[in-house]
C-alpha atoms as a PDB file:
ATOM      1  CA  MET A   1     100.508 136.426  74.938  1.00  0.00           C
ATOM      2  CA  ALA A   2      99.695 134.341  72.177  1.00  0.00           C
ATOM      3  CA  MET A   3     103.055 133.296  71.841  1.00  0.00           C
ATOM      4  CA  LEU A   4     103.432 132.340  75.405  1.00  0.00           C
ATOM      5  CA  HIS A   5      99.770 130.135  75.296  1.00  0.00           C
ATOM      6  CA  LYS A   6     101.453 128.480  72.483  1.00  0.00           C
ATOM      7  CA  GLN A   7     105.032 127.378  73.836  1.00  0.00           C
ATOM      8  CA  TYR A   8     102.449 126.306  76.985  1.00  0.00           C
ATOM      9  CA  LYS A   9     100.917 123.993  74.944  1.00  0.00           C
ATOM     10  CA  ASN A  10     104.102 122.433  73.211  1.00  0.00           C
ATOM     11  CA  LEU A  11     105.493 122.544  76.575  1.00  0.00           C
ATOM     12  CA  ARG A  12     102.014 120.325  77.460  1.00  0.00           C
ATOM     13  CA  ILE A  13     102.489 118.037  74.909  1.00  0.00           C
ATOM     14  CA  ILE A  14     105.955 117.474  75.239  1.00  0.00           C
ATOM     15  CA  CYS A  15     105.745 116.326  78.967  1.00  0.00           C
ATOM     16  CA  ILE A  16     102.602 114.085  77.945  1.00  0.00           C
ATOM     17  CA  LEU A  17     104.756 112.124  75.286  1.00  0.00           C
ATOM     18  CA  PHE A  18     107.768 112.046  77.723  1.00  0.00           C
ATOM     19  CA  VAL A  19     105.214 110.182  80.206  1.00  0.00           C
ATOM     20  CA  ALA A  20     103.491 108.077  77.757  1.00  0.00           C
ATOM     21  CA  VAL A  21     107.575 106.872  77.198  1.00  0.00           C
ATOM     22  CA  GLY A  22     107.801 106.197  80.623  1.00  0.00           C
ATOM     23  CA  LEU A  23     104.891 104.423  80.767  1.00  0.00           C
ATOM     24  CA  VAL A  24     105.484 102.039  77.898  1.00  0.00           C
ATOM     25  CA  SER A  25     108.936 101.486  78.546  1.00  0.00           C
ATOM     26  CA  SER A  26     107.976 100.587  82.573  1.00  0.00           C
ATOM     27  CA  LEU A  27     105.196  97.774  81.350  1.00  0.00           C
ATOM     28  CA  SER A  28     107.441  96.443  78.575  1.00  0.00           C
ATOM     29  CA  THR A  29     110.051  95.747  81.448  1.00  0.00           C
ATOM     30  CA  ASN A  30     107.765  94.493  83.660  1.00  0.00           C
ATOM     31  CA  VAL A  31     106.621  92.108  80.976  1.00  0.00           C
ATOM     32  CA  SER A  32     110.061  90.846  80.152  1.00  0.00           C
ATOM     33  CA  GLY A  33     110.999  90.269  83.468  1.00  0.00           C
ATOM     34  CA  GLN A  34     107.942  87.984  83.739  1.00  0.00           C
ATOM     35  CA  ASP A  35     109.571  86.208  80.695  1.00  0.00           C
ATOM     36  CA  THR A  36     112.361  84.012  82.195  1.00  0.00           C
ATOM     37  CA  LEU A  37     113.170  80.295  81.962  1.00  0.00           C
ATOM     38  CA  THR A  38     113.948  78.583  85.491  1.00  0.00           C
ATOM     39  CA  PHE A  39     114.963  75.639  86.723  1.00  0.00           C
ATOM     40  CA  SER A  40     116.669  73.788  89.854  1.00  0.00           C
ATOM     41  CA  ILE A  41     118.207  70.957  91.030  1.00  0.00           C
ATOM     42  CA  ASN A  42     117.128  68.925  93.596  1.00  0.00           C
ATOM     43  CA  ARG A  43     118.586  65.625  95.229  1.00  0.00           C
ATOM     44  CA  ASN A  44     116.663  62.472  95.665  1.00  0.00           C
ATOM     45  CA  VAL A  45     119.579  59.985  96.667  1.00  0.00           C
ATOM     46  CA  GLY A  46     123.000  60.580  96.785  1.00  0.00           C
ATOM     47  CA  MET A  47     125.730  63.250  98.495  1.00  0.00           C
ATOM     48  CA  ALA A  48     125.935  66.857  97.796  1.00  0.00           C
ATOM     49  CA  PHE A  49     128.624  69.531  98.394  1.00  0.00           C
ATOM     50  CA  GLY A  50     127.900  72.265  97.213  1.00  0.00           C
ATOM     51  CA  ASN A  51     127.983  72.148  93.653  1.00  0.00           C
ATOM     52  CA  TYR A  52     129.268  68.449  93.975  1.00  0.00           C
ATOM     53  CA  ILE A  53     126.838  66.207  93.295  1.00  0.00           C
ATOM     54  CA  SER A  54     126.644  62.441  92.767  1.00  0.00           C
ATOM     55  CA  GLY A  55     123.234  60.214  93.031  1.00  0.00           C
ATOM     56  CA  THR A  56     120.087  60.713  91.631  1.00  0.00           C
ATOM     57  CA  TYR A  57     118.321  64.283  90.990  1.00  0.00           C
ATOM     58  CA  THR A  58     115.211  65.588  89.531  1.00  0.00           C
ATOM     59  CA  LEU A  59     115.422  68.659  87.186  1.00  0.00           C
ATOM     60  CA  GLN A  60     112.645  70.955  87.512  1.00  0.00           C
ATOM     61  CA  GLY A  61     111.825  74.143  85.265  1.00  0.00           C
ATOM     62  CA  SER A  62     109.613  76.437  83.947  1.00  0.00           C
ATOM     63  CA  GLY A  63     108.618  79.119  81.413  1.00  0.00           C
ATOM     64  CA  PRO A  64     106.282  81.518  79.815  1.00  0.00           C
ATOM     65  CA  THR A  65     103.041  79.565  78.796  1.00  0.00           C
ATOM     66  CA  SER A  66     104.440  80.196  75.076  1.00  0.00           C
ATOM     67  CA  ILE A  67     107.411  77.914  75.369  1.00  0.00           C
ATOM     68  CA  GLN A  68     106.431  74.738  72.981  1.00  0.00           C
ATOM     69  CA  ASN A  69     109.038  72.551  73.818  1.00  0.00           C
ATOM     70  CA  LEU A  70     111.930  72.290  76.667  1.00  0.00           C
ATOM     71  CA  THR A  71     115.826  71.080  76.238  1.00  0.00           C
ATOM     72  CA  VAL A  72     118.448  69.748  78.765  1.00  0.00           C
ATOM     73  CA  TYR A  73     121.381  70.009  77.530  1.00  0.00           C
ATOM     74  CA  PHE A  74     124.850  68.536  79.457  1.00  0.00           C
ATOM     75  CA  ASN A  75     127.793  69.899  78.044  1.00  0.00           C
ATOM     76  CA  GLY A  76     126.499  71.059  74.757  1.00  0.00           C
ATOM     77  CA  GLU A  77     124.902  67.439  74.047  1.00  0.00           C
ATOM     78  CA  GLN A  78     121.117  67.142  74.357  1.00  0.00           C
ATOM     79  CA  VAL A  79     120.594  64.586  77.179  1.00  0.00           C
ATOM     80  CA  HIS A  80     116.380  65.087  77.342  1.00  0.00           C
ATOM     81  CA  PHE A  81     113.612  66.925  75.686  1.00  0.00           C
ATOM     82  CA  VAL A  82     109.924  67.073  76.524  1.00  0.00           C
ATOM     83  CA  THR A  83     107.099  69.029  74.982  1.00  0.00           C
ATOM     84  CA  GLY A  84     105.095  72.216  76.891  1.00  0.00           C
ATOM     85  CA  ASN A  85     106.810  74.761  79.188  1.00  0.00           C
ATOM     86  CA  THR A  86     107.283  73.014  82.383  1.00  0.00           C
ATOM     87  CA  ILE A  87     109.634  69.712  82.925  1.00  0.00           C
ATOM     88  CA  SER A  88     110.288  67.390  86.017  1.00  0.00           C
ATOM     89  CA  TRP A  89     113.026  64.940  84.932  1.00  0.00           C
ATOM     90  CA  LEU A  90     114.784  62.417  87.292  1.00  0.00           C
ATOM     91  CA  PHE A  91     118.729  61.494  86.359  1.00  0.00           C
ATOM     92  CA  ASP A  92     121.513  59.642  87.437  1.00  0.00           C
ATOM     93  CA  THR A  93     125.205  61.318  87.452  1.00  0.00           C
ATOM     94  CA  ALA A  94     126.519  58.336  87.185  1.00  0.00           C
ATOM     95  CA  ASN A  95     125.413  58.099  83.914  1.00  0.00           C
ATOM     96  CA  TYR A  96     127.102  61.151  82.520  1.00  0.00           C
ATOM     97  CA  GLU A  97     131.314  61.843  82.712  1.00  0.00           C
ATOM     98  CA  GLY A  98     132.244  63.214  85.861  1.00  0.00           C
ATOM     99  CA  GLY A  99     133.611  66.342  86.386  1.00  0.00           C
ATOM    100  CA  ALA A 100     132.495  70.338  85.900  1.00  0.00           C
ATOM    101  CA  THR A 101     129.070  70.042  84.022  1.00  0.00           C
ATOM    102  CA  ASN A 102     127.143  73.034  82.203  1.00  0.00           C
ATOM    103  CA  VAL A 103     123.649  72.279  82.716  1.00  0.00           C
ATOM    104  CA  THR A 104     121.407  74.369  80.332  1.00  0.00           C
ATOM    105  CA  LEU A 105     117.647  74.361  79.867  1.00  0.00           C
ATOM    106  CA  VAL A 106     116.415  76.341  76.293  1.00  0.00           C
ATOM    107  CA  GLY A 107     112.861  76.603  75.453  1.00  0.00           C
ATOM    108  CA  ILE A 108     111.295  77.724  72.130  1.00  0.00           C
ATOM    109  CA  THR A 109     108.083  79.201  71.376  1.00  0.00           C
ATOM    110  CA  ASP A 110     106.235  78.437  68.608  1.00  0.00           C
ATOM    111  CA  THR A 111     106.983  81.788  67.187  1.00  0.00           C
ATOM    112  CA  GLY A 112     111.051  81.023  67.159  1.00  0.00           C
ATOM    113  CA  ILE A 113     111.807  83.022  70.506  1.00  0.00           C
ATOM    114  CA  LEU A 114     114.536  80.892  72.312  1.00  0.00           C
ATOM    115  CA  TYR A 115     114.601  81.163  76.079  1.00  0.00           C
ATOM    116  CA  ASP A 116     117.949  79.479  78.079  1.00  0.00           C
ATOM    117  CA  SER A 117     118.996  79.509  82.247  1.00  0.00           C
ATOM    118  CA  THR A 118     122.676  77.534  83.009  1.00  0.00           C
ATOM    119  CA  GLN A 119     124.069  76.089  85.885  1.00  0.00           C
ATOM    120  CA  THR A 120     127.111  74.640  86.318  1.00  0.00           C
ATOM    121  CA  VAL A 121     127.133  71.992  89.050  1.00  0.00           C
ATOM    122  CA  VAL A 122     130.377  69.127  89.502  1.00  0.00           C
ATOM    123  CA  PHE A 123     129.100  65.368  88.866  1.00  0.00           C
ATOM    124  CA  ILE A 124     131.232  63.036  91.118  1.00  0.00           C
ATOM    125  CA  GLY A 125     132.471  60.462  88.905  1.00  0.00           C
ATOM    126  CA  GLY A 126     131.652  56.697  90.506  1.00  0.00           C
ATOM    127  CA  GLU A 127     135.370  56.049  91.669  1.00  0.00           C
ATOM    128  CA  ILE A 128     135.682  58.859  93.209  1.00  0.00           C
ATOM    129  CA  SER A 129     132.218  58.650  95.006  1.00  0.00           C
ATOM    130  CA  ASN A 130     133.255  55.482  96.639  1.00  0.00           C
ATOM    131  CA  ILE A 131     136.057  56.835  98.023  1.00  0.00           C
ATOM    132  CA  ILE A 132     134.189  59.667  99.852  1.00  0.00           C
ATOM    133  CA  THR A 133     131.309  57.052 101.359  1.00  0.00           C
ATOM    134  CA  ILE A 134     134.735  55.039 102.444  1.00  0.00           C
ATOM    135  CA  GLY A 135     136.262  57.741 103.942  1.00  0.00           C
ATOM    136  CA  ILE A 136     132.698  59.103 105.603  1.00  0.00           C
ATOM    137  CA  ILE A 137     132.562  55.528 107.094  1.00  0.00           C
ATOM    138  CA  ALA A 138     136.150  54.847 107.798  1.00  0.00           C
ATOM    139  CA  LEU A 139     135.697  58.142 109.549  1.00  0.00           C
ATOM    140  CA  VAL A 140     132.678  57.600 111.349  1.00  0.00           C
ATOM    141  CA  VAL A 141     134.224  54.065 113.037  1.00  0.00           C
ATOM    142  CA  VAL A 142     137.413  56.047 114.427  1.00  0.00           C
ATOM    143  CA  LEU A 143     135.086  58.656 116.203  1.00  0.00           C
ATOM    144  CA  ILE A 144     132.889  55.243 117.166  1.00  0.00           C
ATOM    145  CA  LEU A 145     136.151  53.550 118.947  1.00  0.00           C
ATOM    146  CA  ALA A 146     137.705  56.821 120.348  1.00  0.00           C
ATOM    147  CA  LYS A 147     134.840  57.401 122.124  1.00  0.00           C
ATOM    148  CA  TYR A 148     132.852  53.830 123.362  1.00  0.00           C
ATOM    149  CA  GLY A 149     136.603  51.555 122.589  1.00  0.00           C
ATOM    150  CA  PRO A 150     137.880  52.129 126.239  1.00  0.00           C
ATOM    151  CA  ARG A 151     134.276  50.793 127.679  1.00  0.00           C
ATOM    152  CA  LEU A 152     134.402  47.827 125.151  1.00  0.00           C
ATOM    153  CA  MET A 153     137.886  46.781 126.526  1.00  0.00           C
ATOM    154  CA  ARG A 154     136.764  47.045 130.091  1.00  0.00           C
ATOM    155  CA  LEU A 155     134.179  44.635 129.315  1.00  0.00           C
ATOM    156  CA  ARG A 156     136.351  42.727 127.523  1.00  0.00           C
ATOM    157  CA  ASN A 157     138.586  42.375 130.455  1.00  0.00           C
ATOM    158  CA  LYS A 158     136.131  40.925 133.186  1.00  0.00           C
END
């Protein structure tokens, strides 16, 4: 009977250890899930077709309070830097080379821990942007003439 009681006691200790390890691992998962760096790119003036953007945009982002500064990179090249754990930066795509652009926001804590988040967008260059704008205006003019052209011609013939 004493042997059975000792085995039960050992089993109870093992179960308590498993529960404790489970609680600790779930707590650490929740904490690390909150420690993320996120950002968005929002249009102010310009046009966008999905990830194809042209014009003036605001990059807004934030991270954990332990972050001391944030740096924005376009295709690995630093383009903006702020101190603190939040950013709201206005930029114009015309000031950067057109094409696929890997936008990365990197934050660093005072202990050297790095956080980063990346999005890929395509900057529409100035010439292509002008061609798209002219094409849209031409399409609108054609549609207006198709709808109202016959009425205008009748008014002109009176």
